[in-house]
Amino acid sequence: MTKYALCAATAIFCAASAGAQPLPKDYPNKPIRVIVPSPAGGPPDLIMRMLQQAYAANLGQQLVIDNRAGAGGVVGSATVAKAQPDGYTWLFTTASHTNTPPFSKNVPFDPVKDFTHVSLVVQNFGQALVVPVNSPAKNVQELIALAKQRPGKMNYASAGIGTASHIPAEVMKSMSGTDIVGVQYKGVPDAMTDTIAGRMDLMFVGTQLALPMQQSGRLRVLALTGSKRWKGMPEVPTMQEAGFKGYDLINWFGLWLPPGASPALVERLYQATVKALGDPEALKQFDVQGLEAVGSRPASFGKFVAEQSKFMNDLARKIDAAPK
């Protein structure tokens, strides 16, 4: 499997519409609402909070985080797709932006055409495959063997269809020929709670959440989904090393505006993103939690989103997980 940022060519990147209004000279002159389509404490929420003060310092206005969880990120993203493109409503979310539509029915937006793409902000080194500490599986091979002994009896937790906790599990099931039942939660925190308690058999979760859970003895990390090991968990193998040839999935986090935002606004927020990503405290937190700053140009990000969307549509058909 080619490397794709969890969830990956032609691109219509919607940087601006022909009728977009010029950027007011005093922008921004009031607080900015950042819609994060996950619960407080989820990966995109935590990352935006790492950058919140750096953005505010660069723009001279407060950023107010508005958590709108539900339907694998669809609820919050749909809100932004219908908002005014005046720069006071942002969308900050994960690869679920392109992951969810191919796996769900009636998603009310096109992830490529219905948003203005600003920047790919950060990415990780892969999701962590975790199990409860009392699980009999000490490695990936033992987990797969257990699943084959108990077809349809084991469960994996996820934050919703198309999320970074759903796609890796479905790919693992497809590649291993196992029957593991997915249980969807409203967000990562609730899914993790039940996995820690042993009510779920496994879960894929970001390294920034998995590491402290492993260090405190609350979860066992079996593998990472990226192509290389992460220095924060040097002892943890990749899924490829565990026998899944070509398995290479990472998660990413990006910034969007509603459709029709002006090129001047997009450029202003791209520059603010680059400056925020240069904040020493944010970079320190990224390094500790297995995140890598990116800060891609808007056109590049638009093309990337289009590629991710195509990849996910193809993957949904390949593993027979597209909505019927």
Protein backbone atom coordinates (compact mmCIF):
# COMPACT_ATOMS: atom_id res chain seq x y z
CA MET A 1 0.00 0.00 0.00
CA THR A 2 1.43 3.36 -0.99
CA LYS A 3 2.03 5.83 1.82
CA TYR A 4 -1.09 7.87 2.39
CA ALA A 5 -1.99 10.21 5.15
CA LEU A 6 -4.69 8.07 6.59
CA CYS A 7 -7.71 8.46 5.10
CA ALA A 8 -5.28 10.04 0.23
CA ALA A 9 -4.95 13.43 -9.50
CA THR A 10 -6.39 16.26 -10.23
CA ALA A 11 -7.39 18.94 -7.80
CA ILE A 12 -9.86 21.76 -7.69
CA PHE A 13 -8.59 23.28 -4.49
CA CYS A 14 -11.12 26.06 -4.08
CA ALA A 15 -8.58 28.62 -2.92
CA ALA A 16 -11.12 31.30 -3.76
CA SER A 17 -14.18 31.96 -5.83
CA ALA A 18 -14.38 34.53 -8.58
CA GLY A 19 -16.76 36.66 -6.50
CA ALA A 20 -14.71 36.62 -3.30
CA GLN A 21 -14.59 39.91 -1.40
CA PRO A 22 -11.26 41.64 -0.68
CA LEU A 23 -9.80 41.25 2.80
CA PRO A 24 -10.71 44.19 5.08
CA LYS A 25 -7.66 46.13 6.23
CA ASP A 26 -8.61 45.69 9.88
CA TYR A 27 -9.02 41.89 9.69
CA PRO A 28 -9.38 40.39 12.19
CA ASN A 29 -11.28 42.87 14.35
CA LYS A 30 -13.14 40.36 16.54
CA PRO A 31 -12.58 36.86 17.99
CA ILE A 32 -12.30 33.97 15.53
CA ARG A 33 -14.31 30.78 15.96
CA VAL A 34 -12.41 27.58 15.23
CA ILE A 35 -14.74 24.63 14.74
CA VAL A 36 -13.11 21.36 15.79
CA PRO A 37 -15.36 18.39 14.89
CA SER A 38 -14.32 16.29 17.88
CA PRO A 39 -14.88 16.33 21.64
CA ALA A 40 -12.61 18.28 23.96
CA GLY A 41 -9.55 16.14 24.61
CA GLY A 42 -9.58 14.52 21.17
CA PRO A 43 -6.47 14.76 18.94
CA PRO A 44 -7.49 17.77 16.80
CA ASP A 45 -8.72 19.63 19.88
CA LEU A 46 -5.42 19.07 21.69
CA ILE A 47 -3.36 20.16 18.69
CA MET A 48 -5.35 23.34 18.09
CA ARG A 49 -4.98 24.20 21.78
CA MET A 50 -1.20 23.84 21.38
CA LEU A 51 -1.34 26.43 18.59
CA GLN A 52 -4.14 28.62 19.94
CA GLN A 53 -2.01 31.22 21.68
CA ALA A 54 0.55 31.40 18.86
CA TYR A 55 -2.21 32.10 16.34
CA ALA A 56 -3.75 34.71 18.66
CA ALA A 57 -0.42 36.46 19.08
CA ASN A 58 0.12 36.60 15.32
CA LEU A 59 -3.39 37.76 14.44
CA GLY A 60 -4.08 40.00 17.42
CA GLN A 61 -7.40 38.34 18.22
CA GLN A 62 -8.56 35.52 20.44
CA LEU A 63 -9.34 32.12 18.94
CA VAL A 64 -12.44 30.46 20.43
CA ILE A 65 -12.50 26.68 20.00
CA ASP A 66 -15.97 25.32 19.25
CA ASN A 67 -16.08 21.52 19.70
CA ARG A 68 -18.79 20.00 17.49
CA ALA A 69 -18.42 16.25 17.62
CA GLY A 70 -20.49 13.65 15.83
CA ALA A 71 -20.71 11.44 12.74
CA GLY A 72 -16.96 11.08 12.32
CA GLY A 73 -16.44 14.82 11.99
CA VAL A 74 -19.33 15.44 9.59
CA VAL A 75 -21.38 17.58 11.98
CA GLY A 76 -18.69 20.21 12.54
CA SER A 77 -17.38 20.21 8.98
CA ALA A 78 -20.88 20.65 7.54
CA THR A 79 -21.30 23.75 9.70
CA VAL A 80 -18.20 25.33 8.18
CA ALA A 81 -19.23 24.40 4.65
CA LYS A 82 -22.32 26.62 5.08
CA ALA A 83 -20.64 29.49 6.96
CA GLN A 84 -19.71 32.92 5.62
CA PRO A 85 -16.19 33.06 4.10
CA ASP A 86 -15.24 36.16 6.09
CA GLY A 87 -12.37 34.60 8.01
CA TYR A 88 -14.18 34.38 11.34
CA THR A 89 -15.10 30.70 11.03
CA TRP A 90 -12.30 28.15 10.61
CA LEU A 91 -12.32 24.37 10.39
CA PHE A 92 -9.50 22.45 12.04
CA THR A 93 -9.83 18.71 11.72
CA THR A 94 -8.13 15.44 10.89
CA ALA A 95 -7.86 13.19 7.87
CA SER A 96 -11.44 12.17 8.66
CA HIS A 97 -12.32 15.15 6.45
CA THR A 98 -11.53 12.99 3.42
CA ASN A 99 -11.98 9.59 5.12
CA THR A 100 -15.58 9.81 6.21
CA PRO A 101 -17.49 10.54 2.96
CA PRO A 102 -16.52 7.32 1.13
CA PHE A 103 -17.58 5.19 4.08
CA SER A 104 -20.82 6.98 5.01
CA LYS A 105 -24.16 7.75 3.44
CA ASN A 106 -25.58 11.23 2.95
CA VAL A 107 -22.51 13.30 3.84
CA PRO A 108 -23.72 16.86 3.06
CA PHE A 109 -20.48 18.19 1.59
CA ASP A 110 -17.69 17.42 -0.85
CA PRO A 111 -14.35 17.53 1.03
CA VAL A 112 -12.58 18.97 -2.01
CA LYS A 113 -15.04 21.37 -3.60
CA ASP A 114 -16.99 22.71 -0.61
CA PHE A 115 -14.12 24.24 1.37
CA THR A 116 -11.27 26.69 0.93
CA HIS A 117 -8.00 24.89 1.66
CA VAL A 118 -5.51 26.83 3.77
CA SER A 119 -2.76 24.48 4.96
CA LEU A 120 -1.77 20.99 5.98
CA VAL A 121 -0.71 21.88 9.53
CA VAL A 122 0.77 18.77 11.17
CA GLN A 123 1.00 15.02 10.67
CA ASN A 124 1.99 12.09 12.84
CA PHE A 125 4.10 8.97 12.46
CA GLY A 126 1.10 6.68 12.37
CA GLN A 127 -1.64 5.54 14.69
CA ALA A 128 -0.88 3.22 17.59
CA LEU A 129 -2.60 -0.16 17.76
CA VAL A 130 -3.48 -0.55 21.44
CA VAL A 131 -5.12 -3.25 23.55
CA PRO A 132 -6.15 -3.33 27.23
CA VAL A 133 -3.31 -4.24 29.58
CA ASN A 134 -5.12 -7.48 30.51
CA SER A 135 -5.38 -8.59 26.87
CA PRO A 136 -3.81 -12.01 26.18
CA ALA A 137 -2.29 -10.55 22.99
CA LYS A 138 1.29 -9.40 23.57
CA ASN A 139 1.97 -8.59 19.90
CA VAL A 140 0.15 -8.16 16.59
CA GLN A 141 0.58 -11.79 15.56
CA GLU A 142 -1.05 -12.98 18.77
CA LEU A 143 -3.89 -10.49 18.33
CA ILE A 144 -4.62 -11.73 14.80
CA ALA A 145 -4.45 -15.36 15.93
CA LEU A 146 -6.91 -14.59 18.71
CA ALA A 147 -9.28 -12.87 16.27
CA LYS A 148 -9.18 -15.88 13.93
CA GLN A 149 -10.01 -18.18 16.83
CA ARG A 150 -13.00 -16.00 17.75
CA PRO A 151 -14.55 -14.70 14.49
CA GLY A 152 -17.17 -12.03 15.12
CA LYS A 153 -16.55 -12.12 18.88
CA MET A 154 -13.93 -9.40 19.22
CA ASN A 155 -14.60 -5.66 19.01
CA TYR A 156 -12.57 -2.61 18.09
CA ALA A 157 -13.44 0.90 19.25
CA SER A 158 -13.38 3.92 16.95
CA ALA A 159 -14.41 7.56 16.97
CA GLY A 160 -16.71 7.05 14.00
CA ILE A 161 -16.83 5.88 10.40
CA GLY A 162 -13.94 7.25 8.36
CA THR A 163 -11.88 8.47 11.30
CA ALA A 164 -8.24 7.71 11.98
CA SER A 165 -9.34 5.07 14.48
CA HIS A 166 -11.67 3.37 11.97
CA ILE A 167 -9.68 3.17 8.71
CA PRO A 168 -6.58 1.37 10.13
CA ALA A 169 -8.78 -1.26 11.77
CA GLU A 170 -10.70 -1.94 8.55
CA VAL A 171 -7.48 -2.20 6.56
CA MET A 172 -6.04 -4.60 9.15
CA LYS A 173 -9.19 -6.72 8.98
CA SER A 174 -9.08 -6.81 5.18
CA MET A 175 -5.39 -7.70 5.00
CA SER A 176 -5.60 -10.38 7.71
CA GLY A 177 -8.97 -11.88 6.78
CA THR A 178 -10.32 -11.44 10.31
CA ASP A 179 -13.85 -10.68 11.48
CA ILE A 180 -13.61 -8.00 14.18
CA VAL A 181 -16.71 -5.93 14.91
CA GLY A 182 -16.39 -2.15 14.90
CA VAL A 183 -18.11 -0.16 17.66
CA GLN A 184 -18.51 3.55 16.91
CA TYR A 185 -18.24 6.21 19.61
CA LYS A 186 -18.88 9.94 19.49
CA GLY A 187 -15.18 10.68 19.94
CA VAL A 188 -11.77 9.31 20.87
CA PRO A 189 -12.00 9.96 24.64
CA ASP A 190 -15.07 7.73 25.12
CA ALA A 191 -13.62 5.04 22.85
CA MET A 192 -10.37 5.05 24.82
CA THR A 193 -12.21 4.86 28.13
CA ASP A 194 -13.92 1.63 27.14
CA THR A 195 -10.73 0.19 25.67
CA ILE A 196 -8.80 0.93 28.87
CA ALA A 197 -11.59 -0.71 30.87
CA GLY A 198 -11.39 -3.85 28.73
CA ARG A 199 -14.88 -3.46 27.27
CA MET A 200 -13.24 -3.16 23.82
CA ASP A 201 -10.54 -5.53 22.58
CA LEU A 202 -8.46 -3.05 20.61
CA MET A 203 -8.27 0.44 19.14
CA PHE A 204 -6.11 2.59 16.88
CA VAL A 205 -5.24 5.93 18.49
CA GLY A 206 -2.77 8.78 17.94
CA THR A 207 0.69 8.48 19.45
CA GLN A 208 0.13 11.65 21.48
CA LEU A 209 -2.59 9.81 23.42
CA ALA A 210 -1.12 6.31 23.32
CA LEU A 211 2.26 7.22 24.80
CA PRO A 212 1.04 8.46 28.21
CA MET A 213 -1.42 5.55 28.41
CA GLN A 214 1.45 3.11 27.84
CA GLN A 215 3.75 4.90 30.28
CA SER A 216 1.08 4.79 32.99
CA GLY A 217 0.35 1.12 32.35
CA ARG A 218 -3.22 1.71 31.22
CA LEU A 219 -2.88 0.43 27.64
CA ARG A 220 -0.46 -1.82 25.75
CA VAL A 221 0.86 -0.57 22.40
CA LEU A 222 1.42 -3.36 19.86
CA ALA A 223 2.40 -1.49 16.68
CA LEU A 224 2.40 1.78 14.76
CA THR A 225 0.76 2.19 11.36
CA GLY A 226 3.44 4.36 9.73
CA SER A 227 6.42 3.12 7.72
CA LYS A 228 9.06 3.81 10.36
CA ARG A 229 9.44 3.55 14.11
CA TRP A 230 8.97 6.64 16.25
CA LYS A 231 11.69 7.73 18.67
CA GLY A 232 9.09 8.20 21.41
CA MET A 233 8.32 4.46 21.30
CA PRO A 234 11.50 2.94 19.84
CA GLU A 235 10.59 -0.55 21.03
CA VAL A 236 7.23 -0.58 19.20
CA PRO A 237 7.34 -2.18 15.72
CA THR A 238 5.49 -0.95 12.64
CA MET A 239 2.61 -2.92 11.18
CA GLN A 240 4.92 -3.75 8.28
CA GLU A 241 7.43 -5.26 10.69
CA ALA A 242 4.56 -7.23 12.24
CA GLY A 243 3.85 -8.91 8.91
CA PHE A 244 1.51 -6.50 7.13
CA LYS A 245 3.46 -5.82 3.96
CA GLY A 246 2.73 -2.39 2.48
CA TYR A 247 0.68 -1.22 5.48
CA ASP A 248 1.53 2.48 5.77
CA LEU A 249 -1.03 4.92 7.13
CA ILE A 250 -0.51 8.17 9.00
CA ASN A 251 -2.90 10.80 10.33
CA TRP A 252 -2.84 14.48 9.44
CA PHE A 253 -4.49 17.71 10.59
CA GLY A 254 -5.44 20.65 8.40
CA LEU A 255 -7.01 24.09 8.32
CA TRP A 256 -9.90 25.10 6.06
CA LEU A 257 -12.26 28.02 5.54
CA PRO A 258 -15.78 28.05 4.07
CA PRO A 259 -15.99 28.07 0.27
CA GLY A 260 -15.43 31.39 -1.46
CA ALA A 261 -12.80 32.88 0.85
CA SER A 262 -10.62 35.50 -0.82
CA PRO A 263 -7.04 34.75 -1.90
CA ALA A 264 -5.85 37.55 0.39
CA LEU A 265 -7.54 35.95 3.39
CA VAL A 266 -6.14 32.52 2.53
CA GLU A 267 -2.63 33.94 2.24
CA ARG A 268 -3.00 35.82 5.54
CA LEU A 269 -4.02 32.67 7.38
CA TYR A 270 -1.40 30.56 5.67
CA GLN A 271 1.28 32.99 6.86
CA ALA A 272 -0.24 32.97 10.36
CA THR A 273 -0.08 29.16 10.31
CA VAL A 274 3.59 29.14 9.35
CA LYS A 275 4.37 31.58 12.16
CA ALA A 276 2.34 29.58 14.68
CA LEU A 277 4.20 26.42 13.68
CA GLY A 278 7.46 28.19 14.46
CA ASP A 279 6.46 28.70 18.08
CA PRO A 280 9.13 26.98 20.22
CA GLU A 281 6.67 25.74 22.83
CA ALA A 282 4.36 24.23 20.20
CA LEU A 283 7.29 22.52 18.48
CA LYS A 284 8.44 21.10 21.80
CA GLN A 285 5.00 19.63 22.43
CA PHE A 286 4.84 18.23 18.89
CA ASP A 287 8.16 16.46 19.32
CA VAL A 288 7.14 14.88 22.60
CA GLN A 289 3.82 13.66 21.20
CA GLY A 290 4.97 12.27 17.87
CA LEU A 291 3.78 15.11 15.63
CA GLU A 292 5.58 16.81 12.76
CA ALA A 293 4.91 20.41 11.68
CA VAL A 294 4.18 20.82 7.96
CA GLY A 295 2.65 24.19 7.00
CA SER A 296 2.02 23.47 3.29
CA ARG A 297 0.98 26.13 0.77
CA PRO A 298 -2.78 26.38 0.04
CA ALA A 299 -2.50 25.08 -3.55
CA SER A 300 -0.37 22.15 -2.41
CA PHE A 301 -2.81 21.37 0.37
CA GLY A 302 -5.74 21.48 -2.06
CA LYS A 303 -4.04 18.96 -4.32
CA PHE A 304 -3.19 16.80 -1.31
CA VAL A 305 -6.83 16.78 -0.14
CA ALA A 306 -7.99 15.77 -3.62
CA GLU A 307 -5.49 12.90 -3.68
CA GLN A 308 -6.55 11.76 -0.22
CA SER A 309 -10.20 11.85 -1.24
CA LYS A 310 -9.55 9.72 -4.33
CA PHE A 311 -7.47 7.25 -2.33
CA MET A 312 -10.19 6.83 0.28
CA ASN A 313 -12.90 6.31 -2.33
CA ASP A 314 -10.75 3.64 -3.96
CA LEU A 315 -9.97 2.03 -0.59
CA ALA A 316 -13.63 1.91 0.43
CA ARG A 317 -14.42 -0.03 -2.73
CA LYS A 318 -11.37 -2.27 -2.38
CA ILE A 319 -12.20 -3.43 1.13
CA ASP A 320 -15.92 -3.48 0.37
CA ALA A 321 -16.69 -0.93 3.06
CA ALA A 322 -18.45 1.70 0.94
CA PRO A 323 -22.08 2.38 1.95
CA LYS A 324 -24.53 0.17 0.07
